[in-house]
Amino acid sequence: MKKALTAADDFLALEIVMTVGCGLRNGEARAVNVNNVVADDVYRVHEQIHSNTHEPAKLRHRKAGEFREVPLPRSVREAMERFEEKHGTTQDGYLLRGPSGYHTGTWDIGAENLADTLARLRVRAVLPGHDTLAVDHRLILGEKQALAPGVVDDFEGHVDDTALRFGYDFALQSYTGVGRRIDGDWSDFDALSLWPKTEGSQHKLVLRLVAGGVAYEAYPSMPGTEGGTVTIPFADFRPAPWDTADAERRITAEDLADLSQFNIYINQDSAGTATAGAFHLDDLQAV
């Protein structure tokens, strides 16, 4: 946790503190609100930020209006107070800059440019008192290609029209990841299939499927350097280690009919042979 907090910005750090310190789920942590502190040592949880709509929603497994109260450690309360003093709150008391916790903008691309052309996009974040942050992306401007049922991505029609190249650098963090929103009904599928090709670093690959509001994870092996298809039965997925409330839960057909997110992470492993590198993934799909 200390490594994650060191690498995280203030917004992600607060989310981590709420999940670890109060045992909140991710969506509940994103809804952190100063008005929910009902006593010096009690935090009232009555809503979450839905992963699809980015809007407040009722708690999982509870009726609208129901809530639960959790212990509020002094360290967490003080973290909330420091965040409020530095960043303020919304009019409704949310700390993470509105329910979504994201900053958004509008890019007027123009219909004439939506012709499957390659574009380069640089996004900058100017933070008072900090260095300007910047990230570059290559994009194909055009109509989104329809994917077959069960397909997360086959990486056809992307910038390189080939497998996803996933780069990592553990100089300042112990994990990195990418994700996308998904929907559809996978209840007729039994497993997740993918084609990985690694550089033999032996770091930990994490596949996270959010289904039925629960983050389920699987950890395929990354020992060799040869590419090949790997199939992981949904029965082998387990709730993420931090979700202790759902530790004994297993994926059901009902969960697979309620999908919201798919994420890929690579976590640094003490047995890893490199601190920076890349691996490739292709043909991510339910089978």
Protein backbone atom coordinates (compact mmCIF):
# COMPACT_ATOMS: atom_id res chain seq x y z
CA MET A 1 0.00 0.00 0.00
CA LYS A 2 2.83 2.43 0.84
CA LYS A 3 4.29 2.01 -2.65
CA ALA A 4 0.90 2.63 -4.24
CA LEU A 5 0.33 5.77 -2.17
CA THR A 6 3.79 7.07 -3.04
CA ALA A 7 3.14 6.68 -6.78
CA ALA A 8 -0.49 7.89 -6.71
CA ASP A 9 -1.73 11.44 -7.09
CA ASP A 10 -3.91 12.98 -4.38
CA PHE A 11 -7.16 11.77 -5.95
CA LEU A 12 -6.12 8.14 -6.39
CA ALA A 13 -4.43 8.18 -2.98
CA LEU A 14 -7.69 9.20 -1.28
CA GLU A 15 -9.55 6.41 -3.07
CA ILE A 16 -6.93 3.90 -1.89
CA VAL A 17 -7.13 5.20 1.70
CA MET A 18 -10.93 4.83 1.72
CA THR A 19 -10.85 1.27 0.34
CA VAL A 20 -8.12 0.06 2.68
CA GLY A 21 -8.91 2.12 5.77
CA CYS A 22 -12.72 1.74 5.76
CA GLY A 23 -13.12 -1.45 3.74
CA LEU A 24 -15.09 0.27 0.98
CA ARG A 25 -15.56 -1.09 -2.52
CA ASN A 26 -14.07 0.98 -5.35
CA GLY A 27 -17.39 2.55 -6.32
CA GLU A 28 -18.14 3.41 -2.70
CA ALA A 29 -14.72 5.00 -2.28
CA ARG A 30 -15.25 7.15 -5.38
CA ALA A 31 -18.39 8.52 -3.73
CA VAL A 32 -16.47 9.72 -0.66
CA ASN A 33 -18.35 12.67 0.79
CA VAL A 34 -17.68 14.85 3.85
CA ASN A 35 -21.37 14.74 4.70
CA ASN A 36 -21.10 10.99 5.33
CA VAL A 37 -18.95 11.51 8.43
CA VAL A 38 -21.67 11.10 11.05
CA ALA A 39 -19.29 10.89 14.03
CA ASP A 40 -15.56 11.30 14.62
CA ASP A 41 -15.11 7.57 14.17
CA VAL A 42 -18.09 6.57 11.98
CA TYR A 43 -18.55 6.86 8.21
CA ARG A 44 -21.98 6.20 6.66
CA VAL A 45 -21.98 4.40 3.29
CA HIS A 46 -25.22 4.92 1.39
CA GLU A 47 -24.24 5.12 -2.27
CA GLN A 48 -21.63 4.16 -4.83
CA ILE A 49 -20.49 5.57 -8.16
CA HIS A 50 -21.70 3.17 -10.84
CA SER A 51 -18.85 1.98 -13.06
CA ASN A 52 -20.90 2.39 -16.25
CA THR A 53 -22.84 5.61 -15.71
CA HIS A 54 -20.35 7.36 -13.38
CA GLU A 55 -23.39 8.55 -11.45
CA PRO A 56 -24.45 7.87 -7.85
CA ALA A 57 -26.32 4.59 -7.41
CA LYS A 58 -27.66 2.50 -4.54
CA LEU A 59 -25.38 0.07 -2.79
CA ARG A 60 -25.04 -3.44 -4.09
CA HIS A 61 -27.33 -5.97 -2.41
CA ARG A 62 -29.30 -3.17 -0.70
CA LYS A 63 -32.48 -1.30 -1.46
CA ALA A 64 -32.47 2.37 -2.39
CA GLY A 65 -32.11 4.48 0.74
CA GLU A 66 -30.49 1.75 2.82
CA PHE A 67 -27.01 2.30 4.25
CA ARG A 68 -24.35 0.75 6.41
CA GLU A 69 -21.96 2.39 8.85
CA VAL A 70 -18.27 1.51 9.06
CA PRO A 71 -15.49 2.45 11.49
CA LEU A 72 -13.65 5.62 10.46
CA PRO A 73 -10.01 5.46 11.62
CA ARG A 74 -8.51 8.77 12.64
CA SER A 75 -5.87 8.46 9.90
CA VAL A 76 -8.62 8.20 7.26
CA ARG A 77 -10.59 11.10 8.69
CA GLU A 78 -7.45 13.24 8.72
CA ALA A 79 -6.68 12.23 5.12
CA MET A 80 -10.16 13.42 4.12
CA GLU A 81 -9.64 16.69 5.98
CA ARG A 82 -6.26 17.31 4.34
CA PHE A 83 -7.75 16.60 0.93
CA GLU A 84 -10.65 18.97 1.58
CA GLU A 85 -8.32 21.71 2.76
CA LYS A 86 -6.16 21.36 -0.36
CA HIS A 87 -8.74 20.63 -3.07
CA GLY A 88 -12.10 21.60 -1.61
CA THR A 89 -15.39 19.80 -2.27
CA THR A 90 -18.27 20.03 -4.68
CA GLN A 91 -21.44 21.83 -3.64
CA ASP A 92 -22.82 18.47 -2.49
CA GLY A 93 -19.76 17.59 -0.43
CA TYR A 94 -18.03 15.14 -2.80
CA LEU A 95 -14.27 15.15 -2.44
CA LEU A 96 -13.34 13.56 -5.78
CA ARG A 97 -14.53 16.48 -7.88
CA GLY A 98 -18.02 15.29 -8.58
CA PRO A 99 -19.44 11.77 -8.64
CA SER A 100 -17.23 10.46 -11.46
CA GLY A 101 -13.88 11.57 -10.07
CA TYR A 102 -12.78 12.31 -13.65
CA HIS A 103 -12.01 15.49 -15.52
CA THR A 104 -13.50 15.57 -19.02
CA GLY A 105 -13.19 17.71 -22.11
CA THR A 106 -14.63 18.03 -25.58
CA TRP A 107 -12.68 17.45 -28.78
CA ASP A 108 -14.43 18.67 -31.92
CA ILE A 109 -12.94 16.22 -34.40
CA GLY A 110 -15.13 17.02 -37.40
CA ALA A 111 -16.99 14.43 -39.46
CA GLU A 112 -14.61 14.94 -42.39
CA ASN A 113 -11.76 13.52 -40.28
CA LEU A 114 -13.57 10.29 -39.35
CA ALA A 115 -12.04 8.37 -42.22
CA ASP A 116 -9.91 5.74 -40.44
CA THR A 117 -6.99 8.16 -40.31
CA LEU A 118 -4.16 8.08 -37.78
CA ALA A 119 -3.97 11.01 -35.33
CA ARG A 120 -1.68 11.85 -32.44
CA LEU A 121 -3.20 13.32 -29.30
CA ARG A 122 -1.34 14.89 -26.39
CA VAL A 123 -3.24 15.51 -23.15
CA ARG A 124 -1.75 17.85 -20.55
CA ALA A 125 -2.76 18.35 -16.93
CA VAL A 126 -1.56 21.55 -15.28
CA LEU A 127 -1.53 21.18 -11.49
CA PRO A 128 -0.70 24.22 -9.35
CA GLY A 129 2.60 23.68 -7.59
CA HIS A 130 3.42 20.55 -9.60
CA ASP A 131 5.08 19.71 -12.89
CA THR A 132 2.78 19.61 -15.90
CA LEU A 133 1.73 16.05 -16.64
CA ALA A 134 1.43 14.91 -20.26
CA VAL A 135 0.55 11.72 -22.05
CA ASP A 136 0.62 10.96 -25.78
CA HIS A 137 -1.76 8.65 -27.64
CA ARG A 138 -2.08 7.47 -31.20
CA LEU A 139 -5.66 7.13 -32.35
CA ILE A 140 -7.54 5.97 -35.40
CA LEU A 141 -10.38 8.36 -36.16
CA GLY A 142 -13.32 6.47 -37.60
CA GLU A 143 -16.39 4.45 -36.84
CA LYS A 144 -16.07 1.98 -34.00
CA GLN A 145 -15.95 -1.55 -35.34
CA ALA A 146 -18.60 -3.92 -34.04
CA LEU A 147 -17.23 -6.90 -32.11
CA ALA A 148 -18.73 -10.37 -32.03
CA PRO A 149 -20.53 -11.43 -28.84
CA GLY A 150 -18.05 -12.30 -26.12
CA VAL A 151 -15.11 -10.48 -27.70
CA VAL A 152 -13.31 -7.97 -25.46
CA ASP A 153 -10.94 -6.99 -28.28
CA ASP A 154 -9.26 -8.68 -31.23
CA PHE A 155 -7.09 -5.60 -31.91
CA GLU A 156 -7.98 -5.61 -35.59
CA GLY A 157 -8.27 -2.12 -37.03
CA HIS A 158 -6.16 -0.58 -34.29
CA VAL A 159 -3.21 1.72 -34.91
CA ASP A 160 -0.81 -1.15 -35.61
CA ASP A 161 -3.52 -3.63 -36.67
CA THR A 162 -1.81 -6.24 -34.52
CA ALA A 163 -1.64 -7.46 -30.93
CA LEU A 164 -1.71 -5.04 -28.03
CA ARG A 165 1.77 -4.04 -26.92
CA PHE A 166 1.65 -3.44 -23.17
CA GLY A 167 4.66 -1.51 -21.86
CA TYR A 168 5.51 -1.17 -18.18
CA ASP A 169 8.10 0.59 -16.03
CA PHE A 170 8.35 -0.12 -12.31
CA ALA A 171 10.75 2.72 -11.54
CA LEU A 172 8.01 4.71 -9.77
CA GLN A 173 5.18 2.21 -9.28
CA SER A 174 4.63 -1.45 -8.55
CA TYR A 175 1.85 -2.05 -11.08
CA THR A 176 0.29 -0.59 -14.20
CA GLY A 177 -2.83 -1.38 -16.17
CA VAL A 178 -5.35 -0.62 -18.87
CA GLY A 179 -9.07 -1.29 -19.11
CA ARG A 180 -12.24 -0.81 -21.05
CA ARG A 181 -15.95 -0.85 -20.36
CA ILE A 182 -17.80 -3.87 -21.64
CA ASP A 183 -21.39 -5.05 -21.69
CA GLY A 184 -23.38 -7.92 -23.13
CA ASP A 185 -24.35 -11.33 -21.83
CA TRP A 186 -21.62 -13.94 -21.32
CA SER A 187 -23.79 -16.41 -19.44
CA ASP A 188 -23.52 -18.91 -22.31
CA PHE A 189 -19.70 -18.85 -22.19
CA ASP A 190 -17.52 -20.92 -19.87
CA ALA A 191 -14.06 -19.36 -20.04
CA LEU A 192 -11.88 -16.46 -21.10
CA SER A 193 -9.37 -17.01 -23.89
CA LEU A 194 -6.38 -14.85 -24.76
CA TRP A 195 -3.10 -14.96 -26.66
CA PRO A 196 -0.21 -13.64 -24.55
CA LYS A 197 3.44 -13.32 -25.53
CA THR A 198 5.79 -12.23 -22.80
CA GLU A 199 9.46 -11.40 -22.52
CA GLY A 200 10.03 -13.92 -19.75
CA SER A 201 10.19 -11.33 -16.97
CA GLN A 202 8.07 -13.47 -14.60
CA HIS A 203 6.06 -10.50 -13.38
CA LYS A 204 2.42 -11.09 -12.43
CA LEU A 205 -0.28 -10.68 -15.07
CA VAL A 206 -3.72 -9.83 -13.63
CA LEU A 207 -6.97 -10.13 -15.59
CA ARG A 208 -9.91 -8.43 -13.88
CA LEU A 209 -13.52 -8.91 -14.97
CA VAL A 210 -16.15 -6.82 -13.19
CA ALA A 211 -19.35 -8.89 -13.32
CA GLY A 212 -22.40 -8.51 -11.15
CA GLY A 213 -20.68 -5.55 -9.49
CA VAL A 214 -17.81 -7.74 -8.21
CA ALA A 215 -14.20 -7.54 -9.42
CA TYR A 216 -13.11 -11.10 -10.23
CA GLU A 217 -9.47 -11.81 -11.06
CA ALA A 218 -7.33 -14.50 -12.69
CA TYR A 219 -3.55 -14.72 -12.87
CA PRO A 220 -2.25 -16.55 -15.96
CA SER A 221 1.38 -17.60 -15.90
CA MET A 222 4.00 -15.45 -17.69
CA PRO A 223 7.13 -17.61 -17.57
CA GLY A 224 8.24 -18.07 -21.19
CA THR A 225 8.73 -16.01 -24.33
CA GLU A 226 6.64 -17.96 -26.83
CA GLY A 227 3.16 -16.75 -27.73
CA GLY A 228 0.21 -19.10 -27.43
CA THR A 229 -3.47 -19.31 -26.56
CA VAL A 230 -4.40 -19.55 -22.88
CA THR A 231 -7.92 -20.46 -21.70
CA ILE A 232 -9.06 -19.71 -18.16
CA PRO A 233 -12.41 -21.15 -16.97
CA PHE A 234 -14.63 -18.58 -15.29
CA ALA A 235 -14.83 -21.07 -12.40
CA ASP A 236 -11.15 -20.30 -11.69
CA PHE A 237 -11.70 -16.53 -11.28
CA ARG A 238 -11.75 -15.25 -7.70
CA PRO A 239 -12.79 -11.92 -6.14
CA ALA A 240 -9.93 -9.43 -5.95
CA PRO A 241 -7.90 -9.85 -2.73
CA TRP A 242 -8.96 -6.45 -1.39
CA ASP A 243 -12.67 -7.37 -1.63
CA THR A 244 -12.85 -9.28 1.62
CA ALA A 245 -16.64 -8.96 1.77
CA ASP A 246 -16.96 -11.13 -1.35
CA ALA A 247 -13.99 -13.43 -0.71
CA GLU A 248 -16.07 -16.62 -0.91
CA ARG A 249 -18.15 -15.55 -3.88
CA ARG A 250 -17.79 -17.23 -7.29
CA ILE A 251 -18.88 -16.11 -10.75
CA THR A 252 -22.46 -17.07 -11.57
CA ALA A 253 -24.46 -16.97 -14.79
CA GLU A 254 -26.26 -13.95 -13.36
CA ASP A 255 -22.91 -12.18 -12.90
CA LEU A 256 -21.89 -12.96 -16.47
CA ALA A 257 -25.09 -11.36 -17.70
CA ASP A 258 -24.17 -8.13 -15.89
CA LEU A 259 -20.76 -7.02 -17.17
CA SER A 260 -19.26 -3.57 -16.75
CA GLN A 261 -15.44 -3.55 -16.96
CA PHE A 262 -12.42 -5.55 -18.11
CA ASN A 263 -8.92 -4.63 -16.93
CA ILE A 264 -5.42 -5.91 -17.55
CA TYR A 265 -2.67 -5.23 -15.01
CA ILE A 266 0.93 -6.23 -14.64
CA ASN A 267 2.19 -6.29 -11.05
CA GLN A 268 5.84 -6.21 -10.12
CA ASP A 269 7.04 -9.51 -8.70
CA SER A 270 10.13 -9.92 -6.54
CA ALA A 271 11.18 -12.75 -8.87
CA GLY A 272 10.91 -10.47 -11.91
CA THR A 273 14.00 -10.22 -14.08
CA ALA A 274 13.42 -6.68 -15.38
CA THR A 275 12.02 -3.39 -14.05
CA ALA A 276 10.87 -2.21 -17.48
CA GLY A 277 9.70 -3.96 -20.60
CA ALA A 278 6.69 -4.96 -22.65
CA PHE A 279 4.54 -7.93 -23.51
CA HIS A 280 1.82 -8.58 -26.10
CA LEU A 281 -1.81 -9.67 -25.83
CA ASP A 282 -4.27 -10.60 -28.55
CA ASP A 283 -7.70 -12.16 -29.11
CA LEU A 284 -9.28 -11.49 -25.73
CA GLN A 285 -12.65 -13.21 -25.79
CA ALA A 286 -15.12 -15.38 -23.91
CA VAL A 287 -15.38 -18.95 -25.23
